[in-house]
Amino acid sequence: MNKKIIGIIIVGLFICAGVATGKYNNQEIVKKESNENSEIPNRLFYIHSFPLLPRVGKNVYFYITFPMFFIKGKIYWNFGDGTYLSGRNFISHQYSKIGMYYISASFELILGGSGYGTRPIYVRL
């Protein structure tokens, strides 16, 4: 097998392991702002990226799969390299070093509660 195929398989295993165990899709409980002591779970979603194996210095595009009309305000992005942005669903970023990064996105829902998701991505030369 060549090195590209092995790299793709390894990254895929990292992503599958995280999604299957819930390690990268932490479900938290959010308290409603009312007199009731009821709780609602955060709505989870998946963060997609293109290209799947990004390169240093090249744009990586991220978006989430969640109905946008339920989102109140902006989506808050953390790219795992110390960069934070807020904005819309489709966003791009460039990494300056190779390595494994954990991208997260969060937002508030118009009906209460919030959405939160995290995923790993490996950036190569």
PDB file of N, CA and C in Angstrom:
ATOM      1  N   MET A   1       0.838  -1.189   0.000  1.00  0.00           N
ATOM      2  CA  MET A   1       0.000   0.000   0.000  1.00  0.00           C
ATOM      3  C   MET A   1       0.877   1.245   0.000  1.00  0.00           C
ATOM      4  N   ASN A   2       0.420   2.259  -0.711  1.00  0.00           N
ATOM      5  CA  ASN A   2       1.226   3.475  -0.687  1.00  0.00           C
ATOM      6  C   ASN A   2       0.890   4.311   0.549  1.00  0.00           C
ATOM      7  N   LYS A   3       1.695   5.319   0.806  1.00  0.00           N
ATOM      8  CA  LYS A   3       1.575   6.117   2.028  1.00  0.00           C
ATOM      9  C   LYS A   3       0.280   6.914   2.081  1.00  0.00           C
ATOM     10  N   LYS A   4      -0.244   7.368   0.935  1.00  0.00           N
ATOM     11  CA  LYS A   4      -1.488   8.126   0.917  1.00  0.00           C
ATOM     12  C   LYS A   4      -2.652   7.289   1.427  1.00  0.00           C
ATOM     13  N   ILE A   5      -2.762   6.062   0.947  1.00  0.00           N
ATOM     14  CA  ILE A   5      -3.857   5.183   1.350  1.00  0.00           C
ATOM     15  C   ILE A   5      -3.759   4.864   2.833  1.00  0.00           C
ATOM     16  N   ILE A   6      -2.571   4.595   3.330  1.00  0.00           N
ATOM     17  CA  ILE A   6      -2.385   4.302   4.755  1.00  0.00           C
ATOM     18  C   ILE A   6      -2.783   5.512   5.587  1.00  0.00           C
ATOM     19  N   GLY A   7      -2.400   6.719   5.144  1.00  0.00           N
ATOM     20  CA  GLY A   7      -2.767   7.941   5.860  1.00  0.00           C
ATOM     21  C   GLY A   7      -4.268   8.149   5.916  1.00  0.00           C
ATOM     22  N   ILE A   8      -4.951   7.905   4.804  1.00  0.00           N
ATOM     23  CA  ILE A   8      -6.407   8.042   4.752  1.00  0.00           C
ATOM     24  C   ILE A   8      -7.062   7.048   5.690  1.00  0.00           C
ATOM     25  N   ILE A   9      -6.592   5.827   5.722  1.00  0.00           N
ATOM     26  CA  ILE A   9      -7.151   4.798   6.606  1.00  0.00           C
ATOM     27  C   ILE A   9      -6.971   5.182   8.065  1.00  0.00           C
ATOM     28  N   ILE A  10      -5.781   5.673   8.430  1.00  0.00           N
ATOM     29  CA  ILE A  10      -5.512   6.051   9.822  1.00  0.00           C
ATOM     30  C   ILE A  10      -6.404   7.205  10.259  1.00  0.00           C
ATOM     31  N   VAL A  11      -6.534   8.249   9.434  1.00  0.00           N
ATOM     32  CA  VAL A  11      -7.395   9.377   9.774  1.00  0.00           C
ATOM     33  C   VAL A  11      -8.845   8.909   9.891  1.00  0.00           C
ATOM     34  N   GLY A  12      -9.288   8.056   8.974  1.00  0.00           N
ATOM     35  CA  GLY A  12     -10.650   7.526   9.042  1.00  0.00           C
ATOM     36  C   GLY A  12     -10.908   6.767  10.331  1.00  0.00           C
ATOM     37  N   LEU A  13      -9.926   5.991  10.779  1.00  0.00           N
ATOM     38  CA  LEU A  13     -10.081   5.251  12.034  1.00  0.00           C
ATOM     39  C   LEU A  13     -10.205   6.192  13.219  1.00  0.00           C
ATOM     40  N   PHE A  14      -9.412   7.278  13.246  1.00  0.00           N
ATOM     41  CA  PHE A  14      -9.518   8.270  14.320  1.00  0.00           C
ATOM     42  C   PHE A  14     -10.912   8.879  14.349  1.00  0.00           C
ATOM     43  N   ILE A  15     -11.419   9.261  13.191  1.00  0.00           N
ATOM     44  CA  ILE A  15     -12.736   9.888  13.113  1.00  0.00           C
ATOM     45  C   ILE A  15     -13.820   8.910  13.523  1.00  0.00           C
ATOM     46  N   CYS A  16     -13.772   7.678  13.013  1.00  0.00           N
ATOM     47  CA  CYS A  16     -14.779   6.674  13.357  1.00  0.00           C
ATOM     48  C   CYS A  16     -14.754   6.354  14.845  1.00  0.00           C
ATOM     49  N   ALA A  17     -13.581   6.247  15.423  1.00  0.00           N
ATOM     50  CA  ALA A  17     -13.474   5.936  16.851  1.00  0.00           C
ATOM     51  C   ALA A  17     -14.095   7.042  17.681  1.00  0.00           C
ATOM     52  N   GLY A  18     -13.869   8.283  17.299  1.00  0.00           N
ATOM     53  CA  GLY A  18     -14.430   9.405  18.054  1.00  0.00           C
ATOM     54  C   GLY A  18     -15.932   9.481  17.949  1.00  0.00           C
ATOM     55  N   VAL A  19     -16.472   9.294  16.761  1.00  0.00           N
ATOM     56  CA  VAL A  19     -17.919   9.362  16.580  1.00  0.00           C
ATOM     57  C   VAL A  19     -18.600   8.189  17.276  1.00  0.00           C
ATOM     58  N   ALA A  20     -18.025   6.998  17.194  1.00  0.00           N
ATOM     59  CA  ALA A  20     -18.645   5.812  17.786  1.00  0.00           C
ATOM     60  C   ALA A  20     -18.661   5.889  19.312  1.00  0.00           C
ATOM     61  N   THR A  21     -17.607   6.422  19.904  1.00  0.00           N
ATOM     62  CA  THR A  21     -17.549   6.480  21.364  1.00  0.00           C
ATOM     63  C   THR A  21     -18.217   7.721  21.925  1.00  0.00           C
ATOM     64  N   GLY A  22     -18.508   8.688  21.057  1.00  0.00           N
ATOM     65  CA  GLY A  22     -19.078   9.937  21.529  1.00  0.00           C
ATOM     66  C   GLY A  22     -18.025  10.863  22.104  1.00  0.00           C
ATOM     67  N   LYS A  23     -16.757  10.484  21.991  1.00  0.00           N
ATOM     68  CA  LYS A  23     -15.692  11.294  22.569  1.00  0.00           C
ATOM     69  C   LYS A  23     -15.649  12.687  21.962  1.00  0.00           C
ATOM     70  N   TYR A  24     -15.924  12.811  20.667  1.00  0.00           N
ATOM     71  CA  TYR A  24     -15.855  14.099  20.004  1.00  0.00           C
ATOM     72  C   TYR A  24     -17.225  14.735  19.844  1.00  0.00           C
ATOM     73  N   ASN A  25     -18.258  14.091  20.280  1.00  0.00           N
ATOM     74  CA  ASN A  25     -19.605  14.649  20.267  1.00  0.00           C
ATOM     75  C   ASN A  25     -20.170  14.620  21.684  1.00  0.00           C
ATOM     76  N   ASN A  26     -19.526  15.359  22.557  1.00  0.00           N
ATOM     77  CA  ASN A  26     -19.940  15.366  23.962  1.00  0.00           C
ATOM     78  C   ASN A  26     -21.363  15.863  24.093  1.00  0.00           C
ATOM     79  N   GLN A  27     -22.187  15.125  24.794  1.00  0.00           N
ATOM     80  CA  GLN A  27     -23.549  15.563  25.033  1.00  0.00           C
ATOM     81  C   GLN A  27     -23.607  16.138  26.428  1.00  0.00           C
ATOM     82  N   GLU A  28     -23.978  17.397  26.506  1.00  0.00           N
ATOM     83  CA  GLU A  28     -24.054  18.072  27.784  1.00  0.00           C
ATOM     84  C   GLU A  28     -25.513  18.368  28.094  1.00  0.00           C
ATOM     85  N   ILE A  29     -25.795  18.668  29.333  1.00  0.00           N
ATOM     86  CA  ILE A  29     -27.150  19.020  29.737  1.00  0.00           C
ATOM     87  C   ILE A  29     -27.202  20.524  29.977  1.00  0.00           C
ATOM     88  N   VAL A  30     -28.229  21.165  29.434  1.00  0.00           N
ATOM     89  CA  VAL A  30     -28.410  22.603  29.590  1.00  0.00           C
ATOM     90  C   VAL A  30     -29.661  22.844  30.427  1.00  0.00           C
ATOM     91  N   LYS A  31     -29.547  23.657  31.466  1.00  0.00           N
ATOM     92  CA  LYS A  31     -30.699  23.991  32.310  1.00  0.00           C
ATOM     93  C   LYS A  31     -31.540  25.048  31.613  1.00  0.00           C
ATOM     94  N   LYS A  32     -32.845  24.869  31.622  1.00  0.00           N
ATOM     95  CA  LYS A  32     -33.744  25.886  31.098  1.00  0.00           C
ATOM     96  C   LYS A  32     -33.786  27.048  32.080  1.00  0.00           C
ATOM     97  N   GLU A  33     -33.972  28.246  31.551  1.00  0.00           N
ATOM     98  CA  GLU A  33     -34.096  29.415  32.412  1.00  0.00           C
ATOM     99  C   GLU A  33     -35.561  29.565  32.804  1.00  0.00           C
ATOM    100  N   SER A  34     -35.981  28.820  33.786  1.00  0.00           N
ATOM    101  CA  SER A  34     -37.349  28.916  34.287  1.00  0.00           C
ATOM    102  C   SER A  34     -37.356  28.392  35.714  1.00  0.00           C
ATOM    103  N   ASN A  35     -38.504  28.413  36.312  1.00  0.00           N
ATOM    104  CA  ASN A  35     -38.623  27.923  37.682  1.00  0.00           C
ATOM    105  C   ASN A  35     -38.607  26.401  37.747  1.00  0.00           C
ATOM    106  N   GLU A  36     -38.831  25.761  36.607  1.00  0.00           N
ATOM    107  CA  GLU A  36     -38.813  24.297  36.582  1.00  0.00           C
ATOM    108  C   GLU A  36     -37.375  23.811  36.655  1.00  0.00           C
ATOM    109  N   ASN A  37     -37.170  22.621  37.162  1.00  0.00           N
ATOM    110  CA  ASN A  37     -35.845  22.021  37.215  1.00  0.00           C
ATOM    111  C   ASN A  37     -35.642  21.053  36.052  1.00  0.00           C
ATOM    112  N   SER A  38     -36.303  21.307  34.941  1.00  0.00           N
ATOM    113  CA  SER A  38     -36.172  20.407  33.798  1.00  0.00           C
ATOM    114  C   SER A  38     -34.865  20.685  33.059  1.00  0.00           C
ATOM    115  N   GLU A  39     -34.389  19.682  32.353  1.00  0.00           N
ATOM    116  CA  GLU A  39     -33.156  19.792  31.598  1.00  0.00           C
ATOM    117  C   GLU A  39     -33.393  19.311  30.177  1.00  0.00           C
ATOM    118  N   ILE A  40     -32.683  19.895  29.236  1.00  0.00           N
ATOM    119  CA  ILE A  40     -32.767  19.432  27.860  1.00  0.00           C
ATOM    120  C   ILE A  40     -31.366  19.127  27.360  1.00  0.00           C
ATOM    121  N   PRO A  41     -31.194  18.028  26.626  1.00  0.00           N
ATOM    122  CA  PRO A  41     -29.854  17.713  26.116  1.00  0.00           C
ATOM    123  C   PRO A  41     -29.493  18.626  24.956  1.00  0.00           C
ATOM    124  N   ASN A  42     -28.207  18.906  24.791  1.00  0.00           N
ATOM    125  CA  ASN A  42     -27.744  19.665  23.627  1.00  0.00           C
ATOM    126  C   ASN A  42     -28.034  18.867  22.374  1.00  0.00           C
ATOM    127  N   ARG A  43     -28.376  19.569  21.327  1.00  0.00           N
ATOM    128  CA  ARG A  43     -28.587  18.925  20.041  1.00  0.00           C
ATOM    129  C   ARG A  43     -27.228  18.725  19.392  1.00  0.00           C
ATOM    130  N   LEU A  44     -26.912  17.508  19.018  1.00  0.00           N
ATOM    131  CA  LEU A  44     -25.618  17.213  18.413  1.00  0.00           C
ATOM    132  C   LEU A  44     -25.724  17.245  16.896  1.00  0.00           C
ATOM    133  N   PHE A  45     -24.635  17.564  16.259  1.00  0.00           N
ATOM    134  CA  PHE A  45     -24.568  17.607  14.806  1.00  0.00           C
ATOM    135  C   PHE A  45     -23.174  17.176  14.395  1.00  0.00           C
ATOM    136  N   TYR A  46     -22.940  17.084  13.101  1.00  0.00           N
ATOM    137  CA  TYR A  46     -21.637  16.653  12.614  1.00  0.00           C
ATOM    138  C   TYR A  46     -20.973  17.797  11.862  1.00  0.00           C
ATOM    139  N   ILE A  47     -19.677  17.992  12.076  1.00  0.00           N
ATOM    140  CA  ILE A  47     -18.897  18.990  11.356  1.00  0.00           C
ATOM    141  C   ILE A  47     -18.236  18.299  10.162  1.00  0.00           C
ATOM    142  N   HIS A  48     -18.469  18.824   8.976  1.00  0.00           N
ATOM    143  CA  HIS A  48     -17.878  18.288   7.758  1.00  0.00           C
ATOM    144  C   HIS A  48     -16.729  19.192   7.321  1.00  0.00           C
ATOM    145  N   SER A  49     -15.761  18.618   6.615  1.00  0.00           N
ATOM    146  CA  SER A  49     -14.660  19.420   6.094  1.00  0.00           C
ATOM    147  C   SER A  49     -14.319  18.978   4.675  1.00  0.00           C
ATOM    148  N   PHE A  50     -13.804  19.923   3.913  1.00  0.00           N
ATOM    149  CA  PHE A  50     -13.338  19.642   2.565  1.00  0.00           C
ATOM    150  C   PHE A  50     -12.090  20.466   2.312  1.00  0.00           C
ATOM    151  N   PRO A  51     -11.005  19.891   1.858  1.00  0.00           N
ATOM    152  CA  PRO A  51     -10.807  18.480   1.543  1.00  0.00           C
ATOM    153  C   PRO A  51     -10.674  17.637   2.814  1.00  0.00           C
ATOM    154  N   LEU A  52     -10.836  16.341   2.661  1.00  0.00           N
ATOM    155  CA  LEU A  52     -10.767  15.453   3.823  1.00  0.00           C
ATOM    156  C   LEU A  52      -9.369  15.404   4.428  1.00  0.00           C
ATOM    157  N   LEU A  53      -8.345  15.504   3.605  1.00  0.00           N
ATOM    158  CA  LEU A  53      -6.955  15.535   4.085  1.00  0.00           C
ATOM    159  C   LEU A  53      -6.327  16.868   3.688  1.00  0.00           C
ATOM    160  N   PRO A  54      -6.556  17.905   4.487  1.00  0.00           N
ATOM    161  CA  PRO A  54      -6.064  19.234   4.126  1.00  0.00           C
ATOM    162  C   PRO A  54      -4.548  19.354   4.224  1.00  0.00           C
ATOM    163  N   ARG A  55      -4.020  20.336   3.517  1.00  0.00           N
ATOM    164  CA  ARG A  55      -2.581  20.609   3.491  1.00  0.00           C
ATOM    165  C   ARG A  55      -2.288  21.928   4.202  1.00  0.00           C
ATOM    166  N   VAL A  56      -1.074  22.034   4.727  1.00  0.00           N
ATOM    167  CA  VAL A  56      -0.615  23.258   5.367  1.00  0.00           C
ATOM    168  C   VAL A  56      -0.667  24.400   4.350  1.00  0.00           C
ATOM    169  N   GLY A  57      -1.198  25.550   4.776  1.00  0.00           N
ATOM    170  CA  GLY A  57      -1.248  26.735   3.916  1.00  0.00           C
ATOM    171  C   GLY A  57      -2.357  26.763   2.901  1.00  0.00           C
ATOM    172  N   LYS A  58      -3.180  25.736   2.833  1.00  0.00           N
ATOM    173  CA  LYS A  58      -4.302  25.680   1.889  1.00  0.00           C
ATOM    174  C   LYS A  58      -5.614  25.833   2.656  1.00  0.00           C
ATOM    175  N   ASN A  59      -6.634  26.373   1.998  1.00  0.00           N
ATOM    176  CA  ASN A  59      -7.933  26.532   2.642  1.00  0.00           C
ATOM    177  C   ASN A  59      -8.581  25.192   2.947  1.00  0.00           C
ATOM    178  N   VAL A  60      -9.175  25.097   4.135  1.00  0.00           N
ATOM    179  CA  VAL A  60     -10.026  23.973   4.516  1.00  0.00           C
ATOM    180  C   VAL A  60     -11.401  24.579   4.765  1.00  0.00           C
ATOM    181  N   TYR A  61     -12.428  23.985   4.198  1.00  0.00           N
ATOM    182  CA  TYR A  61     -13.787  24.496   4.344  1.00  0.00           C
ATOM    183  C   TYR A  61     -14.559  23.625   5.321  1.00  0.00           C
ATOM    184  N   PHE A  62     -15.262  24.253   6.249  1.00  0.00           N
ATOM    185  CA  PHE A  62     -16.030  23.547   7.269  1.00  0.00           C
ATOM    186  C   PHE A  62     -17.495  23.965   7.189  1.00  0.00           C
ATOM    187  N   TYR A  63     -18.375  22.998   7.440  1.00  0.00           N
ATOM    188  CA  TYR A  63     -19.797  23.294   7.560  1.00  0.00           C
ATOM    189  C   TYR A  63     -20.430  22.235   8.446  1.00  0.00           C
ATOM    190  N   ILE A  64     -21.613  22.555   8.971  1.00  0.00           N
ATOM    191  CA  ILE A  64     -22.312  21.619   9.859  1.00  0.00           C
ATOM    192  C   ILE A  64     -23.597  21.155   9.192  1.00  0.00           C
ATOM    193  N   THR A  65     -24.073  19.988   9.628  1.00  0.00           N
ATOM    194  CA  THR A  65     -25.361  19.489   9.149  1.00  0.00           C
ATOM    195  C   THR A  65     -26.381  19.694  10.256  1.00  0.00           C
ATOM    196  N   PHE A  66     -27.086  20.799  10.141  1.00  0.00           N
ATOM    197  CA  PHE A  66     -28.125  21.134  11.106  1.00  0.00           C
ATOM    198  C   PHE A  66     -29.037  22.153  10.429  1.00  0.00           C
ATOM    199  N   PRO A  67     -30.361  22.055  10.593  1.00  0.00           N
ATOM    200  CA  PRO A  67     -31.265  23.022   9.953  1.00  0.00           C
ATOM    201  C   PRO A  67     -30.961  24.451  10.418  1.00  0.00           C
ATOM    202  N   MET A  68     -30.524  25.304   9.514  1.00  0.00           N
ATOM    203  CA  MET A  68     -30.082  26.651   9.865  1.00  0.00           C
ATOM    204  C   MET A  68     -31.192  27.518  10.442  1.00  0.00           C
ATOM    205  N   PHE A  69     -32.451  27.260  10.104  1.00  0.00           N
ATOM    206  CA  PHE A  69     -33.534  28.100  10.609  1.00  0.00           C
ATOM    207  C   PHE A  69     -33.782  27.898  12.103  1.00  0.00           C
ATOM    208  N   PHE A  70     -33.180  26.865  12.723  1.00  0.00           N
ATOM    209  CA  PHE A  70     -33.296  26.663  14.162  1.00  0.00           C
ATOM    210  C   PHE A  70     -32.198  27.383  14.945  1.00  0.00           C
ATOM    211  N   ILE A  71     -31.196  27.884  14.236  1.00  0.00           N
ATOM    212  CA  ILE A  71     -30.050  28.502  14.908  1.00  0.00           C
ATOM    213  C   ILE A  71     -30.330  29.971  15.192  1.00  0.00           C
ATOM    214  N   LYS A  72     -30.054  30.357  16.445  1.00  0.00           N
ATOM    215  CA  LYS A  72     -30.252  31.738  16.894  1.00  0.00           C
ATOM    216  C   LYS A  72     -28.892  32.445  16.865  1.00  0.00           C
ATOM    217  N   GLY A  73     -28.713  33.364  15.949  1.00  0.00           N
ATOM    218  CA  GLY A  73     -27.463  34.125  15.892  1.00  0.00           C
ATOM    219  C   GLY A  73     -26.368  33.415  15.120  1.00  0.00           C
ATOM    220  N   LYS A  74     -25.142  33.572  15.606  1.00  0.00           N
ATOM    221  CA  LYS A  74     -23.966  33.075  14.903  1.00  0.00           C
ATOM    222  C   LYS A  74     -23.533  31.691  15.385  1.00  0.00           C
ATOM    223  N   ILE A  75     -22.693  31.072  14.566  1.00  0.00           N
ATOM    224  CA  ILE A  75     -22.028  29.825  14.943  1.00  0.00           C
ATOM    225  C   ILE A  75     -20.620  30.203  15.397  1.00  0.00           C
ATOM    226  N   TYR A  76     -20.205  29.676  16.545  1.00  0.00           N
ATOM    227  CA  TYR A  76     -18.889  29.972  17.102  1.00  0.00           C
ATOM    228  C   TYR A  76     -17.949  28.809  16.804  1.00  0.00           C
ATOM    229  N   TRP A  77     -16.876  29.086  16.067  1.00  0.00           N
ATOM    230  CA  TRP A  77     -15.929  28.075  15.614  1.00  0.00           C
ATOM    231  C   TRP A  77     -14.625  28.168  16.389  1.00  0.00           C
ATOM    232  N   ASN A  78     -14.066  27.015  16.755  1.00  0.00           N
ATOM    233  CA  ASN A  78     -12.728  26.902  17.346  1.00  0.00           C
ATOM    234  C   ASN A  78     -11.972  25.925  16.455  1.00  0.00           C
ATOM    235  N   PHE A  79     -10.892  26.381  15.812  1.00  0.00           N
ATOM    236  CA  PHE A  79     -10.171  25.555  14.846  1.00  0.00           C
ATOM    237  C   PHE A  79      -9.071  24.711  15.474  1.00  0.00           C
ATOM    238  N   GLY A  80      -8.897  24.783  16.775  1.00  0.00           N
ATOM    239  CA  GLY A  80      -7.946  23.924  17.461  1.00  0.00           C
ATOM    240  C   GLY A  80      -6.507  24.389  17.421  1.00  0.00           C
ATOM    241  N   ASP A  81      -6.256  25.506  16.747  1.00  0.00           N
ATOM    242  CA  ASP A  81      -4.890  26.029  16.672  1.00  0.00           C
ATOM    243  C   ASP A  81      -4.775  27.406  17.326  1.00  0.00           C
ATOM    244  N   GLY A  82      -5.744  27.735  18.171  1.00  0.00           N
ATOM    245  CA  GLY A  82      -5.754  29.042  18.823  1.00  0.00           C
ATOM    246  C   GLY A  82      -6.566  30.081  18.076  1.00  0.00           C
ATOM    247  N   THR A  83      -7.181  29.696  16.963  1.00  0.00           N
ATOM    248  CA  THR A  83      -7.996  30.612  16.168  1.00  0.00           C
ATOM    249  C   THR A  83      -9.469  30.379  16.464  1.00  0.00           C
ATOM    250  N   TYR A  84     -10.192  31.468  16.745  1.00  0.00           N
ATOM    251  CA  TYR A  84     -11.627  31.424  17.013  1.00  0.00           C
ATOM    252  C   TYR A  84     -12.318  32.398  16.071  1.00  0.00           C
ATOM    253  N   LEU A  85     -13.431  31.974  15.494  1.00  0.00           N
ATOM    254  CA  LEU A  85     -14.221  32.838  14.625  1.00  0.00           C
ATOM    255  C   LEU A  85     -15.699  32.644  14.917  1.00  0.00           C
ATOM    256  N   SER A  86     -16.484  33.662  14.621  1.00  0.00           N
ATOM    257  CA  SER A  86     -17.931  33.496  14.684  1.00  0.00           C
ATOM    258  C   SER A  86     -18.484  33.916  13.333  1.00  0.00           C
ATOM    259  N   GLY A  87     -19.491  33.212  12.902  1.00  0.00           N
ATOM    260  CA  GLY A  87     -20.041  33.541  11.593  1.00  0.00           C
ATOM    261  C   GLY A  87     -21.114  32.576  11.170  1.00  0.00           C
ATOM    262  N   ARG A  88     -21.166  32.341   9.903  1.00  0.00           N
ATOM    263  CA  ARG A  88     -22.193  31.497   9.310  1.00  0.00           C
ATOM    264  C   ARG A  88     -21.765  30.034   9.252  1.00  0.00           C
ATOM    265  N   ASN A  89     -22.575  29.245   8.577  1.00  0.00           N
ATOM    266  CA  ASN A  89     -22.359  27.805   8.526  1.00  0.00           C
ATOM    267  C   ASN A  89     -21.143  27.416   7.700  1.00  0.00           C
ATOM    268  N   PHE A  90     -20.949  28.011   6.557  1.00  0.00           N
ATOM    269  CA  PHE A  90     -19.853  27.623   5.663  1.00  0.00           C
ATOM    270  C   PHE A  90     -18.689  28.573   5.903  1.00  0.00           C
ATOM    271  N   ILE A  91     -17.551  28.048   6.376  1.00  0.00           N
ATOM    272  CA  ILE A  91     -16.427  28.891   6.765  1.00  0.00           C
ATOM    273  C   ILE A  91     -15.124  28.211   6.364  1.00  0.00           C
ATOM    274  N   SER A  92     -14.081  28.998   6.111  1.00  0.00           N
ATOM    275  CA  SER A  92     -12.798  28.408   5.723  1.00  0.00           C
ATOM    276  C   SER A  92     -11.699  28.832   6.692  1.00  0.00           C
ATOM    277  N   HIS A  93     -10.623  28.052   6.699  1.00  0.00           N
ATOM    278  CA  HIS A  93      -9.494  28.309   7.593  1.00  0.00           C
ATOM    279  C   HIS A  93      -8.234  27.702   6.978  1.00  0.00           C
ATOM    280  N   GLN A  94      -7.073  28.292   7.283  1.00  0.00           N
ATOM    281  CA  GLN A  94      -5.789  27.753   6.847  1.00  0.00           C
ATOM    282  C   GLN A  94      -4.947  27.428   8.066  1.00  0.00           C
ATOM    283  N   TYR A  95      -4.324  26.264   8.057  1.00  0.00           N
ATOM    284  CA  TYR A  95      -3.421  25.855   9.137  1.00  0.00           C
ATOM    285  C   TYR A  95      -1.986  26.118   8.721  1.00  0.00           C
ATOM    286  N   SER A  96      -1.144  26.518   9.683  1.00  0.00           N
ATOM    287  CA  SER A  96       0.245  26.850   9.370  1.00  0.00           C
ATOM    288  C   SER A  96       1.216  25.729   9.717  1.00  0.00           C
ATOM    289  N   LYS A  97       0.748  24.708  10.446  1.00  0.00           N
ATOM    290  CA  LYS A  97       1.618  23.590  10.840  1.00  0.00           C
ATOM    291  C   LYS A  97       0.896  22.265  10.626  1.00  0.00           C
ATOM    292  N   ILE A  98       1.685  21.207  10.392  1.00  0.00           N
ATOM    293  CA  ILE A  98       1.079  19.881  10.288  1.00  0.00           C
ATOM    294  C   ILE A  98       0.682  19.410  11.684  1.00  0.00           C
ATOM    295  N   GLY A  99      -0.249  18.473  11.740  1.00  0.00           N
ATOM    296  CA  GLY A  99      -0.640  17.908  13.022  1.00  0.00           C
ATOM    297  C   GLY A  99      -2.117  17.607  13.106  1.00  0.00           C
ATOM    298  N   MET A 100      -2.525  17.084  14.263  1.00  0.00           N
ATOM    299  CA  MET A 100      -3.917  16.757  14.540  1.00  0.00           C
ATOM    300  C   MET A 100      -4.552  17.946  15.267  1.00  0.00           C
ATOM    301  N   TYR A 101      -5.698  18.385  14.776  1.00  0.00           N
ATOM    302  CA  TYR A 101      -6.426  19.494  15.371  1.00  0.00           C
ATOM    303  C   TYR A 101      -7.850  19.033  15.680  1.00  0.00           C
ATOM    304  N   TYR A 102      -8.456  19.648  16.683  1.00  0.00           N
ATOM    305  CA  TYR A 102      -9.835  19.325  17.056  1.00  0.00           C
ATOM    306  C   TYR A 102     -10.681  20.569  16.824  1.00  0.00           C
ATOM    307  N   ILE A 103     -11.543  20.507  15.826  1.00  0.00           N
ATOM    308  CA  ILE A 103     -12.391  21.621  15.447  1.00  0.00           C
ATOM    309  C   ILE A 103     -13.697  21.496  16.209  1.00  0.00           C
ATOM    310  N   SER A 104     -14.187  22.610  16.755  1.00  0.00           N
ATOM    311  CA  SER A 104     -15.485  22.573  17.428  1.00  0.00           C
ATOM    312  C   SER A 104     -16.338  23.748  16.960  1.00  0.00           C
ATOM    313  N   ALA A 105     -17.632  23.545  17.019  1.00  0.00           N
ATOM    314  CA  ALA A 105     -18.594  24.584  16.665  1.00  0.00           C
ATOM    315  C   ALA A 105     -19.737  24.529  17.669  1.00  0.00           C
ATOM    316  N   SER A 106     -20.260  25.689  18.022  1.00  0.00           N
ATOM    317  CA  SER A 106     -21.392  25.736  18.953  1.00  0.00           C
ATOM    318  C   SER A 106     -22.321  26.883  18.566  1.00  0.00           C
ATOM    319  N   PHE A 107     -23.574  26.761  18.964  1.00  0.00           N
ATOM    320  CA  PHE A 107     -24.571  27.786  18.671  1.00  0.00           C
ATOM    321  C   PHE A 107     -25.751  27.616  19.596  1.00  0.00           C
ATOM    322  N   GLU A 108     -26.568  28.675  19.711  1.00  0.00           N
ATOM    323  CA  GLU A 108     -27.802  28.631  20.488  1.00  0.00           C
ATOM    324  C   GLU A 108     -28.961  28.343  19.548  1.00  0.00           C
ATOM    325  N   LEU A 109     -29.980  27.652  20.084  1.00  0.00           N
ATOM    326  CA  LEU A 109     -31.170  27.329  19.305  1.00  0.00           C
ATOM    327  C   LEU A 109     -32.289  28.313  19.622  1.00  0.00           C
ATOM    328  N   ILE A 110     -33.128  28.613  18.656  1.00  0.00           N
ATOM    329  CA  ILE A 110     -34.200  29.583  18.876  1.00  0.00           C
ATOM    330  C   ILE A 110     -35.241  29.077  19.872  1.00  0.00           C
ATOM    331  N   LEU A 111     -35.355  27.773  20.044  1.00  0.00           N
ATOM    332  CA  LEU A 111     -36.338  27.213  20.968  1.00  0.00           C
ATOM    333  C   LEU A 111     -35.730  26.865  22.327  1.00  0.00           C
ATOM    334  N   GLY A 112     -34.506  27.302  22.573  1.00  0.00           N
ATOM    335  CA  GLY A 112     -33.825  27.000  23.829  1.00  0.00           C
ATOM    336  C   GLY A 112     -32.810  25.895  23.642  1.00  0.00           C
ATOM    337  N   GLY A 113     -31.840  25.843  24.518  1.00  0.00           N
ATOM    338  CA  GLY A 113     -30.786  24.845  24.422  1.00  0.00           C
ATOM    339  C   GLY A 113     -29.690  25.310  23.480  1.00  0.00           C
ATOM    340  N   SER A 114     -28.807  24.387  23.144  1.00  0.00           N
ATOM    341  CA  SER A 114     -27.693  24.738  22.275  1.00  0.00           C
ATOM    342  C   SER A 114     -27.237  23.519  21.491  1.00  0.00           C
ATOM    343  N   GLY A 115     -26.409  23.765  20.497  1.00  0.00           N
ATOM    344  CA  GLY A 115     -25.805  22.705  19.712  1.00  0.00           C
ATOM    345  C   GLY A 115     -24.305  22.779  19.872  1.00  0.00           C
ATOM    346  N   TYR A 116     -23.646  21.637  19.919  1.00  0.00           N
ATOM    347  CA  TYR A 116     -22.199  21.599  20.100  1.00  0.00           C
ATOM    348  C   TYR A 116     -21.652  20.344  19.437  1.00  0.00           C
ATOM    349  N   GLY A 117     -20.547  20.483  18.747  1.00  0.00           N
ATOM    350  CA  GLY A 117     -19.914  19.320  18.134  1.00  0.00           C
ATOM    351  C   GLY A 117     -18.422  19.540  17.982  1.00  0.00           C
ATOM    352  N   THR A 118     -17.668  18.474  18.001  1.00  0.00           N
ATOM    353  CA  THR A 118     -16.211  18.525  17.842  1.00  0.00           C
ATOM    354  C   THR A 118     -15.780  17.372  16.952  1.00  0.00           C
ATOM    355  N   ARG A 119     -14.749  17.611  16.152  1.00  0.00           N
ATOM    356  CA  ARG A 119     -14.204  16.530  15.335  1.00  0.00           C
ATOM    357  C   ARG A 119     -12.710  16.745  15.125  1.00  0.00           C
ATOM    358  N   PRO A 120     -11.977  15.660  14.980  1.00  0.00           N
ATOM    359  CA  PRO A 120     -10.538  15.769  14.708  1.00  0.00           C
ATOM    360  C   PRO A 120     -10.296  15.946  13.206  1.00  0.00           C
ATOM    361  N   ILE A 121      -9.178  16.566  12.886  1.00  0.00           N
ATOM    362  CA  ILE A 121      -8.749  16.672  11.497  1.00  0.00           C
ATOM    363  C   ILE A 121      -7.226  16.647  11.488  1.00  0.00           C
ATOM    364  N   TYR A 122      -6.665  15.935  10.521  1.00  0.00           N
ATOM    365  CA  TYR A 122      -5.208  15.868  10.414  1.00  0.00           C
ATOM    366  C   TYR A 122      -4.762  16.720   9.240  1.00  0.00           C
ATOM    367  N   VAL A 123      -3.857  17.662   9.496  1.00  0.00           N
ATOM    368  CA  VAL A 123      -3.332  18.540   8.457  1.00  0.00           C
ATOM    369  C   VAL A 123      -1.942  18.044   8.067  1.00  0.00           C
ATOM    370  N   ARG A 124      -1.717  17.880   6.777  1.00  0.00           N
ATOM    371  CA  ARG A 124      -0.442  17.335   6.287  1.00  0.00           C
ATOM    372  C   ARG A 124       0.282  18.356   5.413  1.00  0.00           C
ATOM    373  N   LEU A 125       1.522  18.052   5.054  1.00  0.00           N
ATOM    374  CA  LEU A 125       2.305  18.946   4.178  1.00  0.00           C
ATOM    375  C   LEU A 125       1.749  18.997   2.785  1.00  0.00           C
TER     376      LEU A 125
END
